[in-house]
N, C-alpha and C. Protein backbone atom coordinates (compact mmCIF):
# COMPACT_ATOMS: atom_id res chain seq x y z
N MET A 1 7.87 10.71 0.49
CA MET A 1 8.12 10.27 1.87
C MET A 1 6.85 10.27 2.71
N GLY A 2 5.74 10.66 2.10
CA GLY A 2 4.50 10.68 2.85
C GLY A 2 3.42 11.47 2.14
N ALA A 3 2.34 11.79 2.86
CA ALA A 3 1.24 12.53 2.26
C ALA A 3 0.42 13.19 3.35
N VAL A 4 -0.35 14.22 2.96
CA VAL A 4 -1.26 14.88 3.88
C VAL A 4 -2.66 14.84 3.29
N ALA A 5 -3.68 14.95 4.17
CA ALA A 5 -5.07 14.94 3.72
C ALA A 5 -5.87 15.86 4.61
N SER A 6 -7.13 16.08 4.24
CA SER A 6 -8.01 16.96 4.99
C SER A 6 -8.13 16.51 6.44
N GLY A 7 -8.38 17.47 7.32
CA GLY A 7 -8.55 17.15 8.74
C GLY A 7 -7.26 16.96 9.49
N GLY A 8 -6.14 17.41 8.92
CA GLY A 8 -4.86 17.29 9.61
C GLY A 8 -4.22 15.92 9.55
N VAL A 9 -4.67 15.08 8.62
CA VAL A 9 -4.11 13.73 8.48
C VAL A 9 -2.73 13.82 7.82
N THR A 10 -1.73 13.19 8.45
CA THR A 10 -0.38 13.13 7.90
C THR A 10 0.10 11.69 7.96
N VAL A 11 0.56 11.17 6.84
CA VAL A 11 1.08 9.80 6.76
C VAL A 11 2.53 9.88 6.32
N ILE A 12 3.43 9.28 7.10
CA ILE A 12 4.85 9.30 6.80
C ILE A 12 5.31 7.89 6.44
N ASN A 13 6.05 7.77 5.35
CA ASN A 13 6.67 6.50 4.98
C ASN A 13 7.99 6.40 5.74
N ASP A 14 7.98 5.71 6.86
CA ASP A 14 9.15 5.65 7.73
C ASP A 14 10.37 5.07 7.03
N ASP A 15 10.17 4.07 6.19
CA ASP A 15 11.29 3.45 5.49
C ASP A 15 12.01 4.47 4.59
N VAL A 16 11.24 5.27 3.88
CA VAL A 16 11.82 6.28 3.00
C VAL A 16 12.52 7.35 3.81
N ALA A 17 11.86 7.81 4.87
CA ALA A 17 12.44 8.88 5.70
C ALA A 17 13.76 8.43 6.33
N ARG A 18 13.78 7.21 6.85
CA ARG A 18 15.03 6.71 7.46
C ARG A 18 16.10 6.46 6.40
N GLY A 19 15.68 5.89 5.28
CA GLY A 19 16.64 5.57 4.23
C GLY A 19 17.32 6.80 3.65
N LEU A 20 16.60 7.92 3.58
CA LEU A 20 17.16 9.15 3.03
C LEU A 20 17.70 10.08 4.12
N GLY A 21 17.57 9.66 5.37
CA GLY A 21 18.08 10.48 6.47
C GLY A 21 17.34 11.80 6.63
N ILE A 22 16.04 11.80 6.41
CA ILE A 22 15.26 13.03 6.52
C ILE A 22 14.89 13.27 7.98
N SER A 23 15.25 14.44 8.49
CA SER A 23 15.04 14.76 9.90
C SER A 23 13.58 15.09 10.18
N PRO A 24 13.15 14.94 11.44
CA PRO A 24 11.77 15.33 11.81
C PRO A 24 11.49 16.79 11.52
N GLU A 25 12.51 17.65 11.64
CA GLU A 25 12.32 19.07 11.37
C GLU A 25 11.95 19.30 9.90
N VAL A 26 12.67 18.61 9.01
CA VAL A 26 12.39 18.75 7.58
C VAL A 26 11.01 18.19 7.26
N ILE A 27 10.67 17.05 7.86
CA ILE A 27 9.35 16.47 7.64
C ILE A 27 8.26 17.44 8.07
N GLY A 28 8.46 18.09 9.22
CA GLY A 28 7.49 19.06 9.70
C GLY A 28 7.34 20.24 8.75
N GLN A 29 8.45 20.74 8.22
CA GLN A 29 8.41 21.86 7.29
C GLN A 29 7.67 21.49 6.01
N VAL A 30 7.97 20.29 5.49
CA VAL A 30 7.32 19.85 4.26
C VAL A 30 5.82 19.64 4.49
N ALA A 31 5.46 19.04 5.63
CA ALA A 31 4.05 18.80 5.94
C ALA A 31 3.29 20.12 6.04
N GLU A 32 3.92 21.14 6.63
CA GLU A 32 3.27 22.45 6.75
C GLU A 32 3.07 23.08 5.38
N ARG A 33 4.09 22.99 4.52
CA ARG A 33 3.99 23.56 3.18
C ARG A 33 2.91 22.85 2.36
N GLU A 34 2.92 21.51 2.42
CA GLU A 34 1.93 20.75 1.66
C GLU A 34 0.53 20.95 2.21
N GLY A 35 0.43 21.19 3.53
CA GLY A 35 -0.87 21.47 4.13
C GLY A 35 -1.47 22.76 3.59
N ARG A 36 -0.62 23.76 3.38
CA ARG A 36 -1.09 25.02 2.80
C ARG A 36 -1.55 24.82 1.36
N GLU A 37 -0.81 24.01 0.60
CA GLU A 37 -1.21 23.73 -0.77
C GLU A 37 -2.52 22.94 -0.81
N LEU A 38 -2.69 22.02 0.12
CA LEU A 38 -3.94 21.26 0.20
C LEU A 38 -5.12 22.19 0.45
N LEU A 39 -4.94 23.14 1.39
CA LEU A 39 -6.01 24.09 1.69
C LEU A 39 -6.33 24.95 0.46
N ARG A 40 -5.30 25.37 -0.27
CA ARG A 40 -5.52 26.17 -1.48
C ARG A 40 -6.35 25.39 -2.50
N ARG A 41 -6.00 24.13 -2.68
CA ARG A 41 -6.72 23.33 -3.67
C ARG A 41 -8.16 23.09 -3.23
N GLU A 42 -8.38 22.81 -1.97
CA GLU A 42 -9.74 22.58 -1.50
C GLU A 42 -10.60 23.81 -1.74
N GLN A 43 -10.07 24.99 -1.42
CA GLN A 43 -10.83 26.21 -1.62
C GLN A 43 -11.09 26.47 -3.11
N ALA A 44 -10.07 26.20 -3.94
CA ALA A 44 -10.22 26.42 -5.37
C ALA A 44 -11.20 25.44 -6.00
N TYR A 45 -11.15 24.18 -5.56
CA TYR A 45 -11.99 23.15 -6.17
C TYR A 45 -13.43 23.22 -5.68
N ARG A 46 -13.63 23.48 -4.41
CA ARG A 46 -14.98 23.44 -3.85
C ARG A 46 -15.82 24.65 -4.24
N GLU A 47 -15.18 25.81 -4.42
CA GLU A 47 -15.89 27.02 -4.81
C GLU A 47 -17.09 27.29 -3.90
N GLY A 48 -16.87 27.15 -2.60
CA GLY A 48 -17.92 27.42 -1.63
C GLY A 48 -18.81 26.25 -1.30
N ARG A 49 -18.66 25.13 -1.99
CA ARG A 49 -19.48 23.95 -1.68
C ARG A 49 -19.03 23.34 -0.37
N PRO A 50 -19.95 22.88 0.48
CA PRO A 50 -19.57 22.25 1.74
C PRO A 50 -18.98 20.86 1.51
N PHE A 51 -18.26 20.36 2.51
CA PHE A 51 -17.74 19.00 2.44
C PHE A 51 -18.91 18.04 2.39
N PRO A 52 -18.88 17.03 1.54
CA PRO A 52 -20.02 16.12 1.43
C PRO A 52 -20.28 15.36 2.72
N GLU A 53 -21.54 15.06 2.97
CA GLU A 53 -21.94 14.28 4.13
C GLU A 53 -21.73 12.80 3.83
N VAL A 54 -20.80 12.16 4.54
CA VAL A 54 -20.47 10.76 4.23
C VAL A 54 -20.83 9.80 5.35
N ALA A 55 -21.29 10.30 6.47
CA ALA A 55 -21.64 9.41 7.59
C ALA A 55 -22.68 8.39 7.16
N GLY A 56 -22.37 7.11 7.38
CA GLY A 56 -23.31 6.05 7.04
C GLY A 56 -23.38 5.72 5.56
N LYS A 57 -22.51 6.32 4.74
CA LYS A 57 -22.55 6.08 3.31
C LYS A 57 -21.31 5.30 2.85
N LEU A 58 -21.42 4.72 1.67
CA LEU A 58 -20.28 4.04 1.05
C LEU A 58 -19.40 5.09 0.38
N VAL A 59 -18.13 5.11 0.75
CA VAL A 59 -17.17 6.07 0.19
C VAL A 59 -16.20 5.31 -0.71
N ILE A 60 -16.10 5.74 -1.97
CA ILE A 60 -15.16 5.14 -2.92
C ILE A 60 -14.03 6.13 -3.17
N VAL A 61 -12.81 5.74 -2.83
CA VAL A 61 -11.64 6.60 -2.99
C VAL A 61 -10.84 6.10 -4.19
N VAL A 62 -10.64 6.97 -5.17
CA VAL A 62 -9.95 6.57 -6.40
C VAL A 62 -8.67 7.38 -6.58
N ASP A 63 -7.76 6.83 -7.33
CA ASP A 63 -6.52 7.51 -7.69
C ASP A 63 -6.10 7.00 -9.05
N ASP A 64 -5.17 7.72 -9.70
CA ASP A 64 -4.73 7.26 -11.02
C ASP A 64 -3.80 6.06 -10.93
N GLY A 65 -3.42 5.68 -9.72
CA GLY A 65 -2.56 4.52 -9.50
C GLY A 65 -1.83 4.67 -8.19
N LEU A 66 -1.21 3.60 -7.75
CA LEU A 66 -0.49 3.59 -6.47
C LEU A 66 0.93 3.11 -6.67
N ALA A 67 1.83 3.66 -5.88
CA ALA A 67 3.21 3.16 -5.83
C ALA A 67 3.45 2.67 -4.41
N THR A 68 3.89 3.56 -3.52
CA THR A 68 4.07 3.18 -2.12
C THR A 68 2.74 3.14 -1.37
N GLY A 69 1.75 3.90 -1.86
CA GLY A 69 0.44 3.92 -1.23
C GLY A 69 0.27 4.97 -0.15
N SER A 70 1.28 5.82 0.08
CA SER A 70 1.18 6.84 1.14
C SER A 70 0.01 7.79 0.92
N SER A 71 -0.14 8.27 -0.32
CA SER A 71 -1.23 9.21 -0.61
C SER A 71 -2.59 8.56 -0.36
N MET A 72 -2.73 7.30 -0.76
CA MET A 72 -4.01 6.63 -0.57
C MET A 72 -4.27 6.34 0.90
N ARG A 73 -3.24 6.03 1.67
CA ARG A 73 -3.45 5.81 3.10
C ARG A 73 -4.00 7.08 3.75
N ALA A 74 -3.43 8.23 3.38
CA ALA A 74 -3.93 9.50 3.92
C ALA A 74 -5.37 9.74 3.45
N ALA A 75 -5.65 9.43 2.19
CA ALA A 75 -6.99 9.65 1.64
C ALA A 75 -8.02 8.74 2.30
N VAL A 76 -7.61 7.56 2.76
CA VAL A 76 -8.53 6.65 3.44
C VAL A 76 -8.74 7.09 4.89
N GLU A 77 -7.68 7.52 5.54
CA GLU A 77 -7.79 7.91 6.94
C GLU A 77 -8.67 9.15 7.13
N ALA A 78 -8.65 10.07 6.16
CA ALA A 78 -9.42 11.32 6.29
C ALA A 78 -10.92 11.06 6.46
N PRO A 79 -11.58 10.29 5.59
CA PRO A 79 -13.02 10.07 5.78
C PRO A 79 -13.35 9.09 6.90
N GLN A 80 -12.38 8.30 7.36
CA GLN A 80 -12.67 7.36 8.44
C GLN A 80 -13.18 8.08 9.68
N ARG A 81 -12.72 9.30 9.90
CA ARG A 81 -13.14 10.07 11.07
C ARG A 81 -14.60 10.51 10.98
N LEU A 82 -15.18 10.43 9.79
CA LEU A 82 -16.55 10.88 9.58
C LEU A 82 -17.55 9.73 9.61
N ARG A 83 -17.08 8.53 9.97
CA ARG A 83 -17.92 7.35 10.19
C ARG A 83 -18.74 6.93 8.96
N PRO A 84 -18.09 6.69 7.83
CA PRO A 84 -18.83 6.16 6.67
C PRO A 84 -19.21 4.71 6.92
N ALA A 85 -20.16 4.20 6.14
CA ALA A 85 -20.55 2.80 6.28
C ALA A 85 -19.42 1.88 5.85
N ALA A 86 -18.70 2.25 4.81
CA ALA A 86 -17.57 1.46 4.32
C ALA A 86 -16.73 2.33 3.39
N ILE A 87 -15.46 1.97 3.25
CA ILE A 87 -14.55 2.68 2.35
C ILE A 87 -13.98 1.68 1.35
N VAL A 88 -14.11 2.01 0.06
CA VAL A 88 -13.58 1.18 -1.01
C VAL A 88 -12.46 1.94 -1.72
N VAL A 89 -11.32 1.31 -1.88
CA VAL A 89 -10.21 1.87 -2.65
C VAL A 89 -10.26 1.26 -4.04
N ALA A 90 -10.25 2.11 -5.08
CA ALA A 90 -10.31 1.62 -6.46
C ALA A 90 -9.25 2.33 -7.29
N VAL A 91 -8.35 1.56 -7.89
CA VAL A 91 -7.27 2.13 -8.70
C VAL A 91 -7.06 1.30 -9.95
N PRO A 92 -6.60 1.93 -11.04
CA PRO A 92 -6.35 1.17 -12.27
C PRO A 92 -5.05 0.39 -12.27
N ALA A 93 -4.06 0.81 -11.46
CA ALA A 93 -2.77 0.12 -11.46
C ALA A 93 -2.09 0.31 -10.11
N ALA A 94 -1.50 -0.78 -9.60
CA ALA A 94 -0.80 -0.72 -8.32
C ALA A 94 -0.03 -2.01 -8.10
N PRO A 95 1.05 -1.96 -7.32
CA PRO A 95 1.73 -3.21 -6.95
C PRO A 95 0.81 -4.06 -6.07
N GLU A 96 0.88 -5.34 -6.23
CA GLU A 96 0.02 -6.23 -5.44
C GLU A 96 0.31 -6.07 -3.94
N ALA A 97 1.57 -5.85 -3.58
CA ALA A 97 1.93 -5.69 -2.17
C ALA A 97 1.26 -4.47 -1.57
N THR A 98 1.18 -3.37 -2.33
CA THR A 98 0.53 -2.16 -1.83
C THR A 98 -0.96 -2.39 -1.63
N CYS A 99 -1.58 -3.13 -2.53
CA CYS A 99 -3.00 -3.47 -2.38
C CYS A 99 -3.23 -4.26 -1.10
N ARG A 100 -2.34 -5.21 -0.81
CA ARG A 100 -2.48 -6.01 0.41
C ARG A 100 -2.36 -5.14 1.65
N GLU A 101 -1.42 -4.20 1.64
CA GLU A 101 -1.24 -3.32 2.80
C GLU A 101 -2.47 -2.44 3.03
N LEU A 102 -3.04 -1.91 1.94
CA LEU A 102 -4.21 -1.05 2.07
C LEU A 102 -5.43 -1.82 2.50
N ASN A 103 -5.44 -3.11 2.27
CA ASN A 103 -6.58 -3.92 2.67
C ASN A 103 -6.77 -3.94 4.18
N ALA A 104 -5.71 -3.59 4.92
CA ALA A 104 -5.82 -3.51 6.37
C ALA A 104 -6.51 -2.22 6.82
N LEU A 105 -6.58 -1.22 5.92
CA LEU A 105 -7.22 0.05 6.26
C LEU A 105 -8.62 0.18 5.68
N ALA A 106 -8.76 -0.17 4.41
CA ALA A 106 -10.05 -0.03 3.73
C ALA A 106 -10.86 -1.31 3.85
N ASP A 107 -12.17 -1.19 3.63
CA ASP A 107 -13.03 -2.37 3.68
C ASP A 107 -12.84 -3.23 2.44
N THR A 108 -12.60 -2.59 1.30
CA THR A 108 -12.37 -3.31 0.06
C THR A 108 -11.33 -2.58 -0.77
N VAL A 109 -10.45 -3.34 -1.42
CA VAL A 109 -9.44 -2.77 -2.32
C VAL A 109 -9.61 -3.43 -3.68
N VAL A 110 -9.77 -2.61 -4.72
CA VAL A 110 -9.92 -3.11 -6.08
C VAL A 110 -8.78 -2.54 -6.92
N GLY A 111 -7.93 -3.42 -7.45
CA GLY A 111 -6.86 -3.02 -8.35
C GLY A 111 -7.10 -3.64 -9.71
N ALA A 112 -7.36 -2.81 -10.73
CA ALA A 112 -7.67 -3.34 -12.06
C ALA A 112 -6.48 -4.09 -12.65
N THR A 113 -5.26 -3.56 -12.46
CA THR A 113 -4.06 -4.23 -12.93
C THR A 113 -2.99 -4.16 -11.86
N THR A 114 -2.21 -5.21 -11.76
CA THR A 114 -1.09 -5.24 -10.81
C THR A 114 0.16 -5.65 -11.58
N PRO A 115 0.75 -4.73 -12.36
CA PRO A 115 1.92 -5.07 -13.17
C PRO A 115 3.07 -5.61 -12.33
N SER A 116 3.76 -6.59 -12.85
CA SER A 116 4.92 -7.15 -12.16
C SER A 116 6.01 -7.46 -13.19
N PRO A 117 7.19 -6.84 -13.03
CA PRO A 117 7.57 -5.90 -11.96
C PRO A 117 6.90 -4.55 -12.15
N PHE A 118 6.71 -3.83 -11.03
CA PHE A 118 6.07 -2.52 -11.06
C PHE A 118 7.16 -1.46 -10.96
N PHE A 119 7.20 -0.56 -11.95
CA PHE A 119 8.23 0.49 -11.96
C PHE A 119 7.66 1.85 -11.57
N ALA A 120 6.55 2.24 -12.17
CA ALA A 120 5.94 3.54 -11.89
C ALA A 120 4.51 3.54 -12.40
N VAL A 121 3.67 4.38 -11.79
CA VAL A 121 2.27 4.46 -12.21
C VAL A 121 2.17 4.86 -13.68
N GLY A 122 2.99 5.82 -14.10
CA GLY A 122 2.93 6.32 -15.47
C GLY A 122 3.19 5.27 -16.52
N GLU A 123 3.87 4.17 -16.14
CA GLU A 123 4.14 3.11 -17.10
C GLU A 123 2.87 2.38 -17.54
N SER A 124 1.79 2.54 -16.79
CA SER A 124 0.53 1.87 -17.13
C SER A 124 -0.37 2.73 -18.01
N TYR A 125 0.11 3.90 -18.42
CA TYR A 125 -0.70 4.83 -19.21
C TYR A 125 -0.07 5.10 -20.57
N TRP A 126 -0.92 5.34 -21.56
CA TRP A 126 -0.43 5.83 -22.85
C TRP A 126 -0.27 7.34 -22.79
N ASP A 127 -1.12 8.01 -22.00
CA ASP A 127 -1.03 9.46 -21.81
C ASP A 127 -1.17 9.75 -20.32
N PHE A 128 -0.08 10.19 -19.70
CA PHE A 128 -0.08 10.44 -18.25
C PHE A 128 0.03 11.93 -17.96
N THR A 129 -0.57 12.75 -18.83
CA THR A 129 -0.58 14.20 -18.63
C THR A 129 -1.30 14.53 -17.33
N GLN A 130 -0.72 15.41 -16.54
CA GLN A 130 -1.30 15.75 -15.25
C GLN A 130 -2.57 16.58 -15.43
N THR A 131 -3.54 16.36 -14.56
CA THR A 131 -4.80 17.08 -14.58
C THR A 131 -4.61 18.49 -14.03
N THR A 132 -5.15 19.49 -14.71
CA THR A 132 -5.00 20.87 -14.26
C THR A 132 -6.08 21.25 -13.25
N ASP A 133 -5.86 22.33 -12.52
CA ASP A 133 -6.86 22.82 -11.58
C ASP A 133 -8.18 23.12 -12.30
N GLU A 134 -8.10 23.72 -13.48
CA GLU A 134 -9.32 24.07 -14.20
C GLU A 134 -10.10 22.83 -14.63
N GLU A 135 -9.39 21.77 -15.02
CA GLU A 135 -10.07 20.53 -15.39
C GLU A 135 -10.80 19.94 -14.18
N VAL A 136 -10.17 20.00 -13.01
CA VAL A 136 -10.81 19.49 -11.80
C VAL A 136 -12.06 20.30 -11.49
N ARG A 137 -11.96 21.62 -11.58
CA ARG A 137 -13.13 22.47 -11.30
C ARG A 137 -14.26 22.19 -12.27
N ASP A 138 -13.93 22.02 -13.56
CA ASP A 138 -14.97 21.73 -14.55
C ASP A 138 -15.69 20.43 -14.24
N LEU A 139 -14.94 19.40 -13.84
CA LEU A 139 -15.54 18.10 -13.53
C LEU A 139 -16.43 18.19 -12.30
N LEU A 140 -15.98 18.92 -11.29
CA LEU A 140 -16.78 19.06 -10.07
C LEU A 140 -18.06 19.86 -10.33
N ARG A 141 -17.94 20.87 -11.17
CA ARG A 141 -19.14 21.67 -11.51
C ARG A 141 -20.16 20.80 -12.25
N ALA A 142 -19.67 19.87 -13.06
CA ALA A 142 -20.57 19.03 -13.86
C ALA A 142 -21.18 17.90 -13.05
N ALA A 143 -20.62 17.58 -11.88
CA ALA A 143 -21.14 16.48 -11.06
C ALA A 143 -22.54 16.83 -10.56
N PRO A 144 -23.51 15.91 -10.69
CA PRO A 144 -24.90 16.21 -10.31
C PRO A 144 -25.05 16.69 -8.88
N GLY A 145 -24.28 16.13 -7.95
CA GLY A 145 -24.44 16.51 -6.55
C GLY A 145 -23.48 17.57 -6.08
N SER A 146 -22.82 18.28 -7.02
CA SER A 146 -21.78 19.23 -6.62
C SER A 146 -22.02 20.62 -7.18
N ARG A 147 -23.25 21.04 -7.30
CA ARG A 147 -23.53 22.38 -7.81
C ARG A 147 -23.16 23.44 -6.76
N PRO A 148 -22.52 24.53 -7.15
CA PRO A 148 -22.25 25.60 -6.21
C PRO A 148 -23.55 26.12 -5.62
N ALA A 149 -23.48 26.58 -4.35
CA ALA A 149 -24.68 27.03 -3.67
C ALA A 149 -25.36 28.18 -4.40
N ALA A 150 -24.59 29.02 -5.11
CA ALA A 150 -25.16 30.19 -5.76
C ALA A 150 -25.79 29.87 -7.11
N ALA A 151 -25.73 28.64 -7.56
CA ALA A 151 -26.23 28.30 -8.89
C ALA A 151 -27.74 28.49 -8.99
N GLY A 152 -28.45 28.26 -7.88
CA GLY A 152 -29.89 28.46 -7.86
C GLY A 152 -30.65 27.29 -8.44
N GLY A 153 -31.60 26.76 -7.65
CA GLY A 153 -32.42 25.66 -8.13
C GLY A 153 -31.71 24.34 -8.05
N PRO A 154 -32.45 23.25 -7.84
CA PRO A 154 -31.82 21.93 -7.74
C PRO A 154 -31.31 21.44 -9.09
N GLY A 155 -30.21 20.75 -9.06
CA GLY A 155 -29.66 20.17 -10.29
C GLY A 155 -30.31 18.83 -10.56
N PRO A 156 -29.93 18.17 -11.65
CA PRO A 156 -30.51 16.86 -11.97
C PRO A 156 -30.10 15.82 -10.94
N THR A 157 -30.96 14.84 -10.75
CA THR A 157 -30.61 13.78 -9.81
C THR A 157 -29.55 12.89 -10.42
N GLU A 158 -28.90 12.05 -9.57
CA GLU A 158 -27.89 11.12 -10.07
C GLU A 158 -28.50 10.17 -11.10
N ALA A 159 -29.73 9.71 -10.84
CA ALA A 159 -30.38 8.79 -11.78
C ALA A 159 -30.62 9.46 -13.12
N ALA A 160 -31.04 10.73 -13.10
CA ALA A 160 -31.29 11.44 -14.35
C ALA A 160 -30.01 11.65 -15.14
N ALA A 161 -28.91 11.93 -14.42
CA ALA A 161 -27.63 12.12 -15.10
C ALA A 161 -27.16 10.84 -15.77
N ILE A 162 -27.37 9.71 -15.09
CA ILE A 162 -26.97 8.42 -15.67
C ILE A 162 -27.81 8.11 -16.89
N ARG A 163 -29.12 8.34 -16.80
CA ARG A 163 -30.00 8.06 -17.95
C ARG A 163 -29.61 8.92 -19.15
N ALA A 164 -29.20 10.16 -18.90
CA ALA A 164 -28.85 11.06 -19.99
C ALA A 164 -27.62 10.59 -20.75
N GLU A 165 -26.73 9.86 -20.06
CA GLU A 165 -25.49 9.38 -20.68
C GLU A 165 -25.60 7.94 -21.17
N ALA A 166 -26.71 7.27 -20.90
CA ALA A 166 -26.85 5.86 -21.25
C ALA A 166 -26.90 5.67 -22.76
N VAL A 167 -26.38 4.54 -23.21
CA VAL A 167 -26.43 4.19 -24.64
C VAL A 167 -27.11 2.84 -24.78
N PRO A 168 -27.83 2.62 -25.89
CA PRO A 168 -28.50 1.33 -26.09
C PRO A 168 -27.48 0.21 -26.31
N VAL A 169 -27.78 -0.96 -25.74
CA VAL A 169 -26.86 -2.10 -25.91
C VAL A 169 -27.67 -3.34 -26.29
N ALA A 170 -26.98 -4.27 -26.91
CA ALA A 170 -27.58 -5.56 -27.25
C ALA A 170 -26.73 -6.65 -26.63
N GLU A 171 -27.37 -7.54 -25.89
CA GLU A 171 -26.69 -8.65 -25.23
C GLU A 171 -25.58 -8.15 -24.29
N GLY A 172 -25.86 -7.01 -23.65
CA GLY A 172 -24.95 -6.53 -22.60
C GLY A 172 -23.74 -5.76 -23.06
N ALA A 173 -23.58 -5.51 -24.36
CA ALA A 173 -22.40 -4.78 -24.85
C ALA A 173 -22.82 -3.79 -25.92
N PRO A 174 -22.25 -2.56 -25.91
CA PRO A 174 -22.59 -1.58 -26.94
C PRO A 174 -22.01 -1.97 -28.29
N ALA A 175 -22.55 -1.41 -29.35
CA ALA A 175 -22.04 -1.65 -30.70
C ALA A 175 -20.60 -1.16 -30.79
N ASP A 176 -19.84 -1.74 -31.73
CA ASP A 176 -18.42 -1.41 -31.84
C ASP A 176 -18.17 0.07 -32.04
N ASP A 177 -19.00 0.74 -32.87
CA ASP A 177 -18.76 2.16 -33.13
C ASP A 177 -18.94 2.99 -31.87
N ILE A 178 -19.90 2.60 -31.01
CA ILE A 178 -20.09 3.31 -29.75
C ILE A 178 -19.00 2.95 -28.76
N ARG A 179 -18.66 1.66 -28.70
CA ARG A 179 -17.64 1.21 -27.74
C ARG A 179 -16.31 1.91 -27.98
N LEU A 180 -15.93 2.07 -29.25
CA LEU A 180 -14.64 2.66 -29.55
C LEU A 180 -14.59 4.15 -29.22
N THR A 181 -15.75 4.81 -29.18
CA THR A 181 -15.75 6.21 -28.75
C THR A 181 -15.60 6.32 -27.24
N LEU A 182 -16.05 5.28 -26.52
CA LEU A 182 -15.93 5.28 -25.07
C LEU A 182 -14.55 4.85 -24.61
N ALA A 183 -13.99 3.85 -25.27
CA ALA A 183 -12.69 3.30 -24.88
C ALA A 183 -11.94 2.87 -26.12
N PRO A 184 -11.24 3.81 -26.78
CA PRO A 184 -10.50 3.46 -28.00
C PRO A 184 -9.48 2.37 -27.73
N GLU A 185 -9.35 1.45 -28.71
CA GLU A 185 -8.37 0.38 -28.55
C GLU A 185 -6.96 0.95 -28.62
N GLN A 186 -6.10 0.44 -27.77
CA GLN A 186 -4.72 0.89 -27.70
C GLN A 186 -3.80 -0.33 -27.72
N PRO A 187 -2.54 -0.14 -28.12
CA PRO A 187 -1.60 -1.27 -28.06
C PRO A 187 -1.43 -1.74 -26.63
N ARG A 188 -1.30 -3.02 -26.46
CA ARG A 188 -1.17 -3.61 -25.13
C ARG A 188 0.20 -3.31 -24.54
N ILE A 189 0.22 -2.97 -23.26
CA ILE A 189 1.48 -2.69 -22.56
C ILE A 189 2.00 -4.00 -21.98
N PRO A 190 3.21 -4.43 -22.35
CA PRO A 190 3.75 -5.68 -21.79
C PRO A 190 3.82 -5.63 -20.27
N GLY A 191 3.40 -6.71 -19.64
CA GLY A 191 3.47 -6.80 -18.19
C GLY A 191 2.33 -6.12 -17.47
N ALA A 192 1.35 -5.56 -18.21
CA ALA A 192 0.26 -4.85 -17.55
C ALA A 192 -1.10 -5.40 -17.99
N GLU A 193 -1.17 -6.70 -18.27
CA GLU A 193 -2.42 -7.30 -18.67
C GLU A 193 -3.41 -7.21 -17.50
N PRO A 194 -4.69 -6.96 -17.82
CA PRO A 194 -5.68 -6.83 -16.75
C PRO A 194 -5.72 -8.06 -15.85
N SER A 195 -5.75 -7.82 -14.56
CA SER A 195 -5.88 -8.91 -13.59
C SER A 195 -6.64 -8.35 -12.41
N VAL A 196 -7.97 -8.27 -12.58
CA VAL A 196 -8.80 -7.64 -11.58
C VAL A 196 -8.69 -8.39 -10.27
N ARG A 197 -8.49 -7.65 -9.21
CA ARG A 197 -8.37 -8.26 -7.89
C ARG A 197 -9.29 -7.53 -6.94
N LEU A 198 -10.11 -8.28 -6.25
CA LEU A 198 -11.04 -7.71 -5.30
C LEU A 198 -10.74 -8.30 -3.95
N LYS A 199 -10.35 -7.45 -3.02
CA LYS A 199 -10.01 -7.92 -1.69
C LYS A 199 -10.94 -7.27 -0.69
N SER A 200 -11.59 -8.04 0.12
CA SER A 200 -12.50 -7.50 1.13
C SER A 200 -11.98 -7.82 2.51
N ARG A 201 -11.94 -6.79 3.34
CA ARG A 201 -11.52 -7.00 4.73
C ARG A 201 -12.73 -7.41 5.54
N GLN A 202 -12.62 -8.53 6.20
CA GLN A 202 -13.74 -9.03 6.99
C GLN A 202 -13.85 -8.22 8.29
N THR A 203 -15.08 -7.83 8.61
CA THR A 203 -15.32 -7.10 9.86
C THR A 203 -16.28 -7.91 10.70
N GLY A 204 -16.03 -7.92 11.97
CA GLY A 204 -16.88 -8.71 12.84
C GLY A 204 -17.59 -7.88 13.86
């Protein structure tokens, strides 16, 4: 029925709330509970790291997919208050209608696939196992610009990290043995053929 994000951002799906007869009191209780969980996750994931400085920078907001788009709307509104240069929404799967709606909030919306009919985000995955808190912490610790303050000494630059992971290619594509380790071939999901869509909101 909605979502919460950092900075006190709350997004309510009015259609869902009205359709299910959810009272403002219940919405308030749920928002308070989810706000506490959000704070717990931020503290657990950041491990003392400050919020990144995004003013004047390009912010890319990603998710494993979109359904109603409530979570992404909250995720877009949160950094908007920090005056980034632009916000890009990037998702692997979403309904085309949701992408159009988000285009009114973000500067650019990129949806790798827009299955039709769209039933659920999980239908676009072969493995939709939820990410654990420990997996999130491990990924953030490994990020070049996200070293805990107590780690001591500067970490590798973003350019150095990219070079360390680079693989040799010929004519713009890696060899089959390397490609298959990066993206193993999987059976095609009916109705979810790639249809990259790039939508840019014009600003004047």
